[in-house]
Amino acid sequence: DPALRFNWQTPILLSSHNPDILYMGANRLFRSMDQGVSWS
């Protein structure tokens, strides 16, 4: 895959429905279901 681009202030967000779920934005939006151990 092409290299990811992360903003200087990259946004992150814990889900209000399940705090094991973490979102992070690069040029694509990523989601982790296990507190940031693995990402999709």
PDB file of all heavy atoms in Angstrom:
ATOM      1  N   ASP A   1       0.827  -1.209   0.000  1.00  0.00           N
ATOM      2  CA  ASP A   1       0.000   0.000   0.000  1.00  0.00           C
ATOM      3  C   ASP A   1       0.860   1.259   0.000  1.00  0.00           C
ATOM      4  O   ASP A   1       2.012   1.234   0.474  1.00  0.00           O
ATOM      5  CB  ASP A   1      -0.905   0.026   1.230  1.00  0.00           C
ATOM      6  CG  ASP A   1      -1.960  -1.067   1.184  1.00  0.00           C
ATOM      7  OD1 ASP A   1      -2.249  -1.550   0.072  1.00  0.00           O
ATOM      8  OD2 ASP A   1      -2.484  -1.424   2.260  1.00  0.00           O
ATOM      9  N   PRO A   2       0.332   2.368  -0.509  1.00  0.00           N
ATOM     10  CA  PRO A   2       1.068   3.635  -0.433  1.00  0.00           C
ATOM     11  C   PRO A   2       1.293   4.053   1.019  1.00  0.00           C
ATOM     12  O   PRO A   2       0.539   3.650   1.926  1.00  0.00           O
ATOM     13  CB  PRO A   2       0.141   4.623  -1.156  1.00  0.00           C
ATOM     14  CG  PRO A   2      -0.801   3.781  -1.956  1.00  0.00           C
ATOM     15  CD  PRO A   2      -0.957   2.503  -1.207  1.00  0.00           C
ATOM     16  N   ALA A   3       2.323   4.861   1.244  1.00  0.00           N
ATOM     17  CA  ALA A   3       2.599   5.360   2.589  1.00  0.00           C
ATOM     18  C   ALA A   3       1.429   6.202   3.081  1.00  0.00           C
ATOM     19  O   ALA A   3       0.769   6.900   2.300  1.00  0.00           O
ATOM     20  CB  ALA A   3       3.881   6.181   2.584  1.00  0.00           C
ATOM     21  N   LEU A   4       1.178   6.143   4.374  1.00  0.00           N
ATOM     22  CA  LEU A   4       0.115   6.933   4.979  1.00  0.00           C
ATOM     23  C   LEU A   4       0.600   8.350   5.262  1.00  0.00           C
ATOM     24  O   LEU A   4       1.785   8.582   5.488  1.00  0.00           O
ATOM     25  CB  LEU A   4      -0.356   6.278   6.274  1.00  0.00           C
ATOM     26  CG  LEU A   4      -0.975   4.885   6.141  1.00  0.00           C
ATOM     27  CD1 LEU A   4      -1.236   4.287   7.519  1.00  0.00           C
ATOM     28  CD2 LEU A   4      -2.259   4.946   5.328  1.00  0.00           C
ATOM     29  N   ARG A   5      -0.340   9.286   5.273  1.00  0.00           N
ATOM     30  CA  ARG A   5      -0.044  10.673   5.628  1.00  0.00           C
ATOM     31  C   ARG A   5      -0.787  11.018   6.913  1.00  0.00           C
ATOM     32  O   ARG A   5      -2.008  10.881   6.989  1.00  0.00           O
ATOM     33  CB  ARG A   5      -0.469  11.622   4.494  1.00  0.00           C
ATOM     34  CG  ARG A   5       0.256  11.374   3.185  1.00  0.00           C
ATOM     35  CD  ARG A   5      -0.101  12.437   2.144  1.00  0.00           C
ATOM     36  NE  ARG A   5      -1.528  12.462   1.847  1.00  0.00           N
ATOM     37  CZ  ARG A   5      -2.125  11.648   0.981  1.00  0.00           C
ATOM     38  NH1 ARG A   5      -1.424  10.704   0.336  1.00  0.00           N
ATOM     39  NH2 ARG A   5      -3.421  11.758   0.751  1.00  0.00           N
ATOM     40  N   PHE A   6      -0.038  11.456   7.920  1.00  0.00           N
ATOM     41  CA  PHE A   6      -0.607  11.841   9.203  1.00  0.00           C
ATOM     42  C   PHE A   6      -0.462  13.348   9.391  1.00  0.00           C
ATOM     43  O   PHE A   6       0.633  13.889   9.227  1.00  0.00           O
ATOM     44  CB  PHE A   6       0.095  11.127  10.362  1.00  0.00           C
ATOM     45  CG  PHE A   6      -0.126   9.637  10.397  1.00  0.00           C
ATOM     46  CD1 PHE A   6       0.712   8.776   9.701  1.00  0.00           C
ATOM     47  CD2 PHE A   6      -1.170   9.106  11.132  1.00  0.00           C
ATOM     48  CE1 PHE A   6       0.516   7.405   9.733  1.00  0.00           C
ATOM     49  CE2 PHE A   6      -1.377   7.720  11.178  1.00  0.00           C
ATOM     50  CZ  PHE A   6      -0.527   6.876  10.472  1.00  0.00           C
ATOM     51  N   ASN A   7      -1.557  14.000   9.750  1.00  0.00           N
ATOM     52  CA  ASN A   7      -1.508  15.435  10.012  1.00  0.00           C
ATOM     53  C   ASN A   7      -0.606  15.732  11.213  1.00  0.00           C
ATOM     54  O   ASN A   7      -0.398  14.875  12.072  1.00  0.00           O
ATOM     55  CB  ASN A   7      -2.916  15.965  10.275  1.00  0.00           C
ATOM     56  CG  ASN A   7      -2.994  17.470  10.279  1.00  0.00           C
ATOM     57  OD1 ASN A   7      -2.901  18.101  11.325  1.00  0.00           O
ATOM     58  ND2 ASN A   7      -3.152  18.049   9.107  1.00  0.00           N
ATOM     59  N   TRP A   8      -0.080  16.943  11.235  1.00  0.00           N
ATOM     60  CA  TRP A   8       0.731  17.383  12.388  1.00  0.00           C
ATOM     61  C   TRP A   8      -0.007  17.086  13.690  1.00  0.00           C
ATOM     62  O   TRP A   8       0.562  16.551  14.629  1.00  0.00           O
ATOM     63  CB  TRP A   8       1.007  18.881  12.257  1.00  0.00           C
ATOM     64  CG  TRP A   8       1.743  19.489  13.411  1.00  0.00           C
ATOM     65  CD1 TRP A   8       1.199  20.105  14.495  1.00  0.00           C
ATOM     66  CD2 TRP A   8       3.162  19.539  13.600  1.00  0.00           C
ATOM     67  NE1 TRP A   8       2.183  20.531  15.353  1.00  0.00           N
ATOM     68  CE2 TRP A   8       3.398  20.191  14.819  1.00  0.00           C
ATOM     69  CE3 TRP A   8       4.244  19.092  12.846  1.00  0.00           C
ATOM     70  CZ2 TRP A   8       4.683  20.424  15.299  1.00  0.00           C
ATOM     71  CZ3 TRP A   8       5.522  19.317  13.338  1.00  0.00           C
ATOM     72  CH2 TRP A   8       5.728  19.975  14.554  1.00  0.00           C
ATOM     73  N   GLN A   9      -1.314  17.426  13.754  1.00  0.00           N
ATOM     74  CA  GLN A   9      -2.132  17.070  14.916  1.00  0.00           C
ATOM     75  C   GLN A   9      -3.123  15.987  14.486  1.00  0.00           C
ATOM     76  O   GLN A   9      -4.262  16.254  14.116  1.00  0.00           O
ATOM     77  CB  GLN A   9      -2.874  18.283  15.485  1.00  0.00           C
ATOM     78  CG  GLN A   9      -3.579  17.952  16.766  1.00  0.00           C
ATOM     79  CD  GLN A   9      -4.416  19.078  17.327  1.00  0.00           C
ATOM     80  OE1 GLN A   9      -5.169  18.874  18.274  1.00  0.00           O
ATOM     81  NE2 GLN A   9      -4.305  20.279  16.778  1.00  0.00           N
ATOM     82  N   THR A  10      -2.654  14.772  14.519  1.00  0.00           N
ATOM     83  CA  THR A  10      -3.461  13.644  14.065  1.00  0.00           C
ATOM     84  C   THR A  10      -4.632  13.409  15.023  1.00  0.00           C
ATOM     85  O   THR A  10      -4.430  13.298  16.228  1.00  0.00           O
ATOM     86  CB  THR A  10      -2.588  12.379  13.988  1.00  0.00           C
ATOM     87  OG1 THR A  10      -1.557  12.580  13.022  1.00  0.00           O
ATOM     88  CG2 THR A  10      -3.415  11.173  13.605  1.00  0.00           C
ATOM     89  N   PRO A  11      -5.856  13.312  14.496  1.00  0.00           N
ATOM     90  CA  PRO A  11      -6.999  13.104  15.394  1.00  0.00           C
ATOM     91  C   PRO A  11      -7.134  11.652  15.830  1.00  0.00           C
ATOM     92  O   PRO A  11      -6.922  10.717  15.048  1.00  0.00           O
ATOM     93  CB  PRO A  11      -8.192  13.516  14.526  1.00  0.00           C
ATOM     94  CG  PRO A  11      -7.754  13.264  13.122  1.00  0.00           C
ATOM     95  CD  PRO A  11      -6.265  13.521  13.095  1.00  0.00           C
ATOM     96  N   ILE A  12      -7.488  11.460  17.095  1.00  0.00           N
ATOM     97  CA  ILE A  12      -7.808  10.147  17.648  1.00  0.00           C
ATOM     98  C   ILE A  12      -9.130  10.255  18.392  1.00  0.00           C
ATOM     99  O   ILE A  12      -9.534  11.341  18.827  1.00  0.00           O
ATOM    100  CB  ILE A  12      -6.708   9.613  18.592  1.00  0.00           C
ATOM    101  CG1 ILE A  12      -6.500  10.563  19.786  1.00  0.00           C
ATOM    102  CG2 ILE A  12      -5.414   9.390  17.852  1.00  0.00           C
ATOM    103  CD1 ILE A  12      -5.592   9.990  20.861  1.00  0.00           C
ATOM    104  N   LEU A  13      -9.827   9.115  18.551  1.00  0.00           N
ATOM    105  CA  LEU A  13     -11.134   9.143  19.214  1.00  0.00           C
ATOM    106  C   LEU A  13     -11.451   7.762  19.773  1.00  0.00           C
ATOM    107  O   LEU A  13     -11.433   6.766  19.049  1.00  0.00           O
ATOM    108  CB  LEU A  13     -12.225   9.556  18.223  1.00  0.00           C
ATOM    109  CG  LEU A  13     -13.637   9.659  18.786  1.00  0.00           C
ATOM    110  CD1 LEU A  13     -13.745  10.810  19.782  1.00  0.00           C
ATOM    111  CD2 LEU A  13     -14.651   9.831  17.653  1.00  0.00           C
ATOM    112  N   LEU A  14     -11.746   7.705  21.079  1.00  0.00           N
ATOM    113  CA  LEU A  14     -12.279   6.492  21.684  1.00  0.00           C
ATOM    114  C   LEU A  14     -13.783   6.444  21.448  1.00  0.00           C
ATOM    115  O   LEU A  14     -14.477   7.445  21.617  1.00  0.00           O
ATOM    116  CB  LEU A  14     -12.009   6.466  23.187  1.00  0.00           C
ATOM    117  CG  LEU A  14     -10.689   5.887  23.692  1.00  0.00           C
ATOM    118  CD1 LEU A  14     -10.651   5.959  25.215  1.00  0.00           C
ATOM    119  CD2 LEU A  14     -10.484   4.459  23.228  1.00  0.00           C
ATOM    120  N   SER A  15     -14.288   5.275  21.089  1.00  0.00           N
ATOM    121  CA  SER A  15     -15.717   5.130  20.860  1.00  0.00           C
ATOM    122  C   SER A  15     -16.484   5.303  22.164  1.00  0.00           C
ATOM    123  O   SER A  15     -16.106   4.743  23.201  1.00  0.00           O
ATOM    124  CB  SER A  15     -16.020   3.756  20.266  1.00  0.00           C
ATOM    125  OG  SER A  15     -17.418   3.536  20.199  1.00  0.00           O
ATOM    126  N   SER A  16     -17.579   6.068  22.106  1.00  0.00           N
ATOM    127  CA  SER A  16     -18.434   6.213  23.282  1.00  0.00           C
ATOM    128  C   SER A  16     -19.289   4.973  23.506  1.00  0.00           C
ATOM    129  O   SER A  16     -19.898   4.817  24.567  1.00  0.00           O
ATOM    130  CB  SER A  16     -19.343   7.435  23.117  1.00  0.00           C
ATOM    131  OG  SER A  16     -20.170   7.302  21.963  1.00  0.00           O
ATOM    132  N   HIS A  17     -19.339   4.073  22.516  1.00  0.00           N
ATOM    133  CA  HIS A  17     -20.136   2.851  22.635  1.00  0.00           C
ATOM    134  C   HIS A  17     -19.323   1.700  23.213  1.00  0.00           C
ATOM    135  O   HIS A  17     -19.874   0.822  23.889  1.00  0.00           O
ATOM    136  CB  HIS A  17     -20.684   2.453  21.262  1.00  0.00           C
ATOM    137  CG  HIS A  17     -21.538   3.498  20.636  1.00  0.00           C
ATOM    138  ND1 HIS A  17     -22.871   3.651  20.940  1.00  0.00           N
ATOM    139  CD2 HIS A  17     -21.244   4.481  19.728  1.00  0.00           C
ATOM    140  CE1 HIS A  17     -23.375   4.651  20.241  1.00  0.00           C
ATOM    141  NE2 HIS A  17     -22.407   5.174  19.502  1.00  0.00           N
ATOM    142  N   ASN A  18     -18.020   1.712  22.945  1.00  0.00           N
ATOM    143  CA  ASN A  18     -17.140   0.652  23.448  1.00  0.00           C
ATOM    144  C   ASN A  18     -15.727   1.225  23.499  1.00  0.00           C
ATOM    145  O   ASN A  18     -15.093   1.388  22.455  1.00  0.00           O
ATOM    146  CB  ASN A  18     -17.197  -0.572  22.538  1.00  0.00           C
ATOM    147  CG  ASN A  18     -16.316  -1.713  23.018  1.00  0.00           C
ATOM    148  OD1 ASN A  18     -15.475  -1.543  23.898  1.00  0.00           O
ATOM    149  ND2 ASN A  18     -16.491  -2.884  22.433  1.00  0.00           N
ATOM    150  N   PRO A  19     -15.208   1.506  24.686  1.00  0.00           N
ATOM    151  CA  PRO A  19     -13.889   2.150  24.772  1.00  0.00           C
ATOM    152  C   PRO A  19     -12.716   1.248  24.414  1.00  0.00           C
ATOM    153  O   PRO A  19     -11.570   1.693  24.490  1.00  0.00           O
ATOM    154  CB  PRO A  19     -13.818   2.616  26.233  1.00  0.00           C
ATOM    155  CG  PRO A  19     -14.798   1.760  26.958  1.00  0.00           C
ATOM    156  CD  PRO A  19     -15.882   1.430  25.987  1.00  0.00           C
ATOM    157  N   ASP A  20     -12.964   0.000  24.029  1.00  0.00           N
ATOM    158  CA  ASP A  20     -11.903  -0.801  23.427  1.00  0.00           C
ATOM    159  C   ASP A  20     -11.665  -0.382  21.980  1.00  0.00           C
ATOM    160  O   ASP A  20     -10.638  -0.725  21.394  1.00  0.00           O
ATOM    161  CB  ASP A  20     -12.259  -2.290  23.448  1.00  0.00           C
ATOM    162  CG  ASP A  20     -12.093  -2.896  24.837  1.00  0.00           C
ATOM    163  OD1 ASP A  20     -11.354  -2.318  25.657  1.00  0.00           O
ATOM    164  OD2 ASP A  20     -12.722  -3.942  25.095  1.00  0.00           O
ATOM    165  N   ILE A  21     -12.630   0.350  21.407  1.00  0.00           N
ATOM    166  CA  ILE A  21     -12.551   0.759  20.010  1.00  0.00           C
ATOM    167  C   ILE A  21     -11.918   2.142  19.922  1.00  0.00           C
ATOM    168  O   ILE A  21     -12.389   3.095  20.551  1.00  0.00           O
ATOM    169  CB  ILE A  21     -13.943   0.761  19.366  1.00  0.00           C
ATOM    170  CG1 ILE A  21     -14.536  -0.648  19.402  1.00  0.00           C
ATOM    171  CG2 ILE A  21     -13.872   1.282  17.931  1.00  0.00           C
ATOM    172  CD1 ILE A  21     -15.958  -0.731  18.871  1.00  0.00           C
ATOM    173  N   LEU A  22     -10.851   2.237  19.149  1.00  0.00           N
ATOM    174  CA  LEU A  22     -10.120   3.487  18.970  1.00  0.00           C
ATOM    175  C   LEU A  22     -10.061   3.811  17.485  1.00  0.00           C
ATOM    176  O   LEU A  22      -9.760   2.941  16.667  1.00  0.00           O
ATOM    177  CB  LEU A  22      -8.702   3.359  19.535  1.00  0.00           C
ATOM    178  CG  LEU A  22      -7.773   4.565  19.409  1.00  0.00           C
ATOM    179  CD1 LEU A  22      -8.283   5.730  20.261  1.00  0.00           C
ATOM    180  CD2 LEU A  22      -6.352   4.194  19.819  1.00  0.00           C
ATOM    181  N   TYR A  23     -10.358   5.068  17.145  1.00  0.00           N
ATOM    182  CA  TYR A  23     -10.255   5.545  15.775  1.00  0.00           C
ATOM    183  C   TYR A  23      -9.048   6.478  15.646  1.00  0.00           C
ATOM    184  O   TYR A  23      -8.712   7.211  16.586  1.00  0.00           O
ATOM    185  CB  TYR A  23     -11.508   6.322  15.372  1.00  0.00           C
ATOM    186  CG  TYR A  23     -12.789   5.531  15.416  1.00  0.00           C
ATOM    187  CD1 TYR A  23     -13.639   5.597  16.523  1.00  0.00           C
ATOM    188  CD2 TYR A  23     -13.169   4.721  14.344  1.00  0.00           C
ATOM    189  CE1 TYR A  23     -14.819   4.879  16.562  1.00  0.00           C
ATOM    190  CE2 TYR A  23     -14.362   3.996  14.371  1.00  0.00           C
ATOM    191  CZ  TYR A  23     -15.178   4.080  15.494  1.00  0.00           C
ATOM    192  OH  TYR A  23     -16.355   3.370  15.532  1.00  0.00           O
ATOM    193  N   MET A  24      -8.402   6.438  14.482  1.00  0.00           N
ATOM    194  CA  MET A  24      -7.318   7.369  14.192  1.00  0.00           C
ATOM    195  C   MET A  24      -7.375   7.740  12.716  1.00  0.00           C
ATOM    196  O   MET A  24      -7.625   6.885  11.851  1.00  0.00           O
ATOM    197  CB  MET A  24      -5.952   6.765  14.540  1.00  0.00           C
ATOM    198  CG  MET A  24      -4.789   7.734  14.305  1.00  0.00           C
ATOM    199  SD  MET A  24      -3.143   7.053  14.712  1.00  0.00           S
ATOM    200  CE  MET A  24      -3.271   6.884  16.484  1.00  0.00           C
ATOM    201  N   GLY A  25      -7.145   9.022  12.435  1.00  0.00           N
ATOM    202  CA  GLY A  25      -7.204   9.484  11.064  1.00  0.00           C
ATOM    203  C   GLY A  25      -5.832   9.752  10.484  1.00  0.00           C
ATOM    204  O   GLY A  25      -5.041  10.504  11.066  1.00  0.00           O
ATOM    205  N   ALA A  26      -5.531   9.154   9.346  1.00  0.00           N
ATOM    206  CA  ALA A  26      -4.358   9.507   8.538  1.00  0.00           C
ATOM    207  C   ALA A  26      -4.932  10.186   7.291  1.00  0.00           C
ATOM    208  O   ALA A  26      -5.667  11.152   7.421  1.00  0.00           O
ATOM    209  CB  ALA A  26      -3.547   8.270   8.206  1.00  0.00           C
ATOM    210  N   ASN A  27      -4.610   9.750   6.101  1.00  0.00           N
ATOM    211  CA  ASN A  27      -5.396  10.152   4.944  1.00  0.00           C
ATOM    212  C   ASN A  27      -6.566   9.174   4.742  1.00  0.00           C
ATOM    213  O   ASN A  27      -7.500   9.458   3.993  1.00  0.00           O
ATOM    214  CB  ASN A  27      -4.543  10.230   3.672  1.00  0.00           C
ATOM    215  CG  ASN A  27      -3.744   8.960   3.435  1.00  0.00           C
ATOM    216  OD1 ASN A  27      -3.041   8.490   4.328  1.00  0.00           O
ATOM    217  ND2 ASN A  27      -3.841   8.396   2.242  1.00  0.00           N
ATOM    218  N   ARG A  28      -6.510   8.033   5.435  1.00  0.00           N
ATOM    219  CA  ARG A  28      -7.624   7.104   5.561  1.00  0.00           C
ATOM    220  C   ARG A  28      -8.004   7.027   7.037  1.00  0.00           C
ATOM    221  O   ARG A  28      -7.189   7.319   7.915  1.00  0.00           O
ATOM    222  CB  ARG A  28      -7.236   5.719   5.042  1.00  0.00           C
ATOM    223  CG  ARG A  28      -6.659   5.700   3.644  1.00  0.00           C
ATOM    224  CD  ARG A  28      -6.127   4.329   3.247  1.00  0.00           C
ATOM    225  NE  ARG A  28      -7.215   3.372   3.043  1.00  0.00           N
ATOM    226  CZ  ARG A  28      -7.018   2.091   2.731  1.00  0.00           C
ATOM    227  NH1 ARG A  28      -5.771   1.602   2.625  1.00  0.00           N
ATOM    228  NH2 ARG A  28      -8.033   1.271   2.548  1.00  0.00           N
ATOM    229  N   LEU A  29      -9.248   6.641   7.304  1.00  0.00           N
ATOM    230  CA  LEU A  29      -9.670   6.458   8.688  1.00  0.00           C
ATOM    231  C   LEU A  29      -9.428   5.015   9.091  1.00  0.00           C
ATOM    232  O   LEU A  29      -9.782   4.078   8.367  1.00  0.00           O
ATOM    233  CB  LEU A  29     -11.149   6.802   8.857  1.00  0.00           C
ATOM    234  CG  LEU A  29     -11.676   6.735  10.303  1.00  0.00           C
ATOM    235  CD1 LEU A  29     -10.957   7.748  11.184  1.00  0.00           C
ATOM    236  CD2 LEU A  29     -13.181   6.959  10.350  1.00  0.00           C
ATOM    237  N   PHE A  30      -8.807   4.841  10.271  1.00  0.00           N
ATOM    238  CA  PHE A  30      -8.496   3.524  10.789  1.00  0.00           C
ATOM    239  C   PHE A  30      -9.271   3.272  12.074  1.00  0.00           C
ATOM    240  O   PHE A  30      -9.569   4.202  12.844  1.00  0.00           O
ATOM    241  CB  PHE A  30      -6.997   3.393  11.061  1.00  0.00           C
ATOM    242  CG  PHE A  30      -6.169   3.242   9.820  1.00  0.00           C
ATOM    243  CD1 PHE A  30      -5.797   4.355   9.083  1.00  0.00           C
ATOM    244  CD2 PHE A  30      -5.760   1.993   9.388  1.00  0.00           C
ATOM    245  CE1 PHE A  30      -5.036   4.222   7.936  1.00  0.00           C
ATOM    246  CE2 PHE A  30      -5.000   1.847   8.240  1.00  0.00           C
ATOM    247  CZ  PHE A  30      -4.638   2.969   7.506  1.00  0.00           C
ATOM    248  N   ARG A  31      -9.549   1.985  12.321  1.00  0.00           N
ATOM    249  CA  ARG A  31     -10.248   1.584  13.541  1.00  0.00           C
ATOM    250  C   ARG A  31      -9.542   0.394  14.168  1.00  0.00           C
ATOM    251  O   ARG A  31      -9.145  -0.549  13.478  1.00  0.00           O
ATOM    252  CB  ARG A  31     -11.700   1.212  13.230  1.00  0.00           C
ATOM    253  CG  ARG A  31     -12.516   0.775  14.464  1.00  0.00           C
ATOM    254  CD  ARG A  31     -13.943   0.453  14.073  1.00  0.00           C
ATOM    255  NE  ARG A  31     -14.010  -0.646  13.121  1.00  0.00           N
ATOM    256  CZ  ARG A  31     -15.035  -0.853  12.294  1.00  0.00           C
ATOM    257  NH1 ARG A  31     -16.063  -0.030  12.293  1.00  0.00           N
ATOM    258  NH2 ARG A  31     -15.014  -1.889  11.458  1.00  0.00           N
ATOM    259  N   SER A  32      -9.373   0.459  15.478  1.00  0.00           N
ATOM    260  CA  SER A  32      -8.845  -0.664  16.251  1.00  0.00           C
ATOM    261  C   SER A  32      -9.933  -1.164  17.183  1.00  0.00           C
ATOM    262  O   SER A  32     -10.606  -0.370  17.844  1.00  0.00           O
ATOM    263  CB  SER A  32      -7.625  -0.229  17.067  1.00  0.00           C
ATOM    264  OG  SER A  32      -7.237  -1.261  17.967  1.00  0.00           O
ATOM    265  N   MET A  33     -10.111  -2.471  17.242  1.00  0.00           N
ATOM    266  CA  MET A  33     -11.102  -3.077  18.135  1.00  0.00           C
ATOM    267  C   MET A  33     -10.485  -3.547  19.445  1.00  0.00           C
ATOM    268  O   MET A  33     -11.189  -4.057  20.308  1.00  0.00           O
ATOM    269  CB  MET A  33     -11.780  -4.261  17.434  1.00  0.00           C
ATOM    270  CG  MET A  33     -12.371  -3.932  16.075  1.00  0.00           C
ATOM    271  SD  MET A  33     -13.767  -2.787  16.151  1.00  0.00           S
ATOM    272  CE  MET A  33     -15.055  -3.907  16.722  1.00  0.00           C
ATOM    273  N   ASP A  34      -9.152  -3.359  19.587  1.00  0.00           N
ATOM    274  CA  ASP A  34      -8.454  -3.913  20.751  1.00  0.00           C
ATOM    275  C   ASP A  34      -7.498  -2.894  21.369  1.00  0.00           C
ATOM    276  O   ASP A  34      -6.355  -3.199  21.671  1.00  0.00           O
ATOM    277  CB  ASP A  34      -7.709  -5.190  20.367  1.00  0.00           C
ATOM    278  CG  ASP A  34      -6.811  -5.011  19.152  1.00  0.00           C
ATOM    279  OD1 ASP A  34      -6.583  -3.856  18.740  1.00  0.00           O
ATOM    280  OD2 ASP A  34      -6.332  -6.030  18.626  1.00  0.00           O
ATOM    281  N   GLN A  35      -7.970  -1.669  21.542  1.00  0.00           N
ATOM    282  CA  GLN A  35      -7.210  -0.615  22.218  1.00  0.00           C
ATOM    283  C   GLN A  35      -5.926  -0.240  21.480  1.00  0.00           C
ATOM    284  O   GLN A  35      -4.929   0.128  22.094  1.00  0.00           O
ATOM    285  CB  GLN A  35      -6.877  -1.028  23.660  1.00  0.00           C
ATOM    286  CG  GLN A  35      -8.093  -1.240  24.542  1.00  0.00           C
ATOM    287  CD  GLN A  35      -7.712  -1.585  25.965  1.00  0.00           C
ATOM    288  OE1 GLN A  35      -6.895  -2.470  26.220  1.00  0.00           O
ATOM    289  NE2 GLN A  35      -8.308  -0.875  26.909  1.00  0.00           N
ATOM    290  N   GLY A  36      -5.953  -0.325  20.168  1.00  0.00           N
ATOM    291  CA  GLY A  36      -4.817   0.132  19.392  1.00  0.00           C
ATOM    292  C   GLY A  36      -3.748  -0.903  19.124  1.00  0.00           C
ATOM    293  O   GLY A  36      -2.695  -0.564  18.581  1.00  0.00           O
ATOM    294  N   VAL A  37      -3.990  -2.161  19.481  1.00  0.00           N
ATOM    295  CA  VAL A  37      -2.999  -3.208  19.209  1.00  0.00           C
ATOM    296  C   VAL A  37      -2.968  -3.530  17.723  1.00  0.00           C
ATOM    297  O   VAL A  37      -1.903  -3.640  17.112  1.00  0.00           O
ATOM    298  CB  VAL A  37      -3.306  -4.464  20.042  1.00  0.00           C
ATOM    299  CG1 VAL A  37      -2.334  -5.588  19.682  1.00  0.00           C
ATOM    300  CG2 VAL A  37      -3.221  -4.152  21.535  1.00  0.00           C
ATOM    301  N   SER A  38      -4.129  -3.693  17.111  1.00  0.00           N
ATOM    302  CA  SER A  38      -4.215  -3.984  15.675  1.00  0.00           C
ATOM    303  C   SER A  38      -5.186  -3.002  15.031  1.00  0.00           C
ATOM    304  O   SER A  38      -6.082  -2.462  15.699  1.00  0.00           O
ATOM    305  CB  SER A  38      -4.671  -5.427  15.447  1.00  0.00           C
ATOM    306  OG  SER A  38      -5.943  -5.656  16.033  1.00  0.00           O
ATOM    307  N   TRP A  39      -5.007  -2.784  13.726  1.00  0.00           N
ATOM    308  CA  TRP A  39      -5.758  -1.739  13.030  1.00  0.00           C
ATOM    309  C   TRP A  39      -6.300  -2.252  11.709  1.00  0.00           C
ATOM    310  O   TRP A  39      -5.689  -3.103  11.061  1.00  0.00           O
ATOM    311  CB  TRP A  39      -4.860  -0.532  12.752  1.00  0.00           C
ATOM    312  CG  TRP A  39      -4.414   0.191  13.980  1.00  0.00           C
ATOM    313  CD1 TRP A  39      -3.283  -0.045  14.696  1.00  0.00           C
ATOM    314  CD2 TRP A  39      -5.100   1.262  14.631  1.00  0.00           C
ATOM    315  NE1 TRP A  39      -3.222   0.820  15.764  1.00  0.00           N
ATOM    316  CE2 TRP A  39      -4.312   1.634  15.747  1.00  0.00           C
ATOM    317  CE3 TRP A  39      -6.281   1.953  14.379  1.00  0.00           C
ATOM    318  CZ2 TRP A  39      -4.689   2.664  16.605  1.00  0.00           C
ATOM    319  CZ3 TRP A  39      -6.667   2.979  15.235  1.00  0.00           C
ATOM    320  CH2 TRP A  39      -5.870   3.323  16.339  1.00  0.00           C
ATOM    321  N   SER A  40      -7.441  -1.666  11.306  1.00  0.00           N
ATOM    322  CA  SER A  40      -8.019  -1.917   9.985  1.00  0.00           C
ATOM    323  C   SER A  40      -8.431  -0.584   9.380  1.00  0.00           C
ATOM    324  O   SER A  40      -9.003   0.269  10.074  1.00  0.00           O
ATOM    325  CB  SER A  40      -9.252  -2.827  10.077  1.00  0.00           C
ATOM    326  OG  SER A  40      -8.915  -4.085  10.598  1.00  0.00           O
TER     327      SER A  40
END
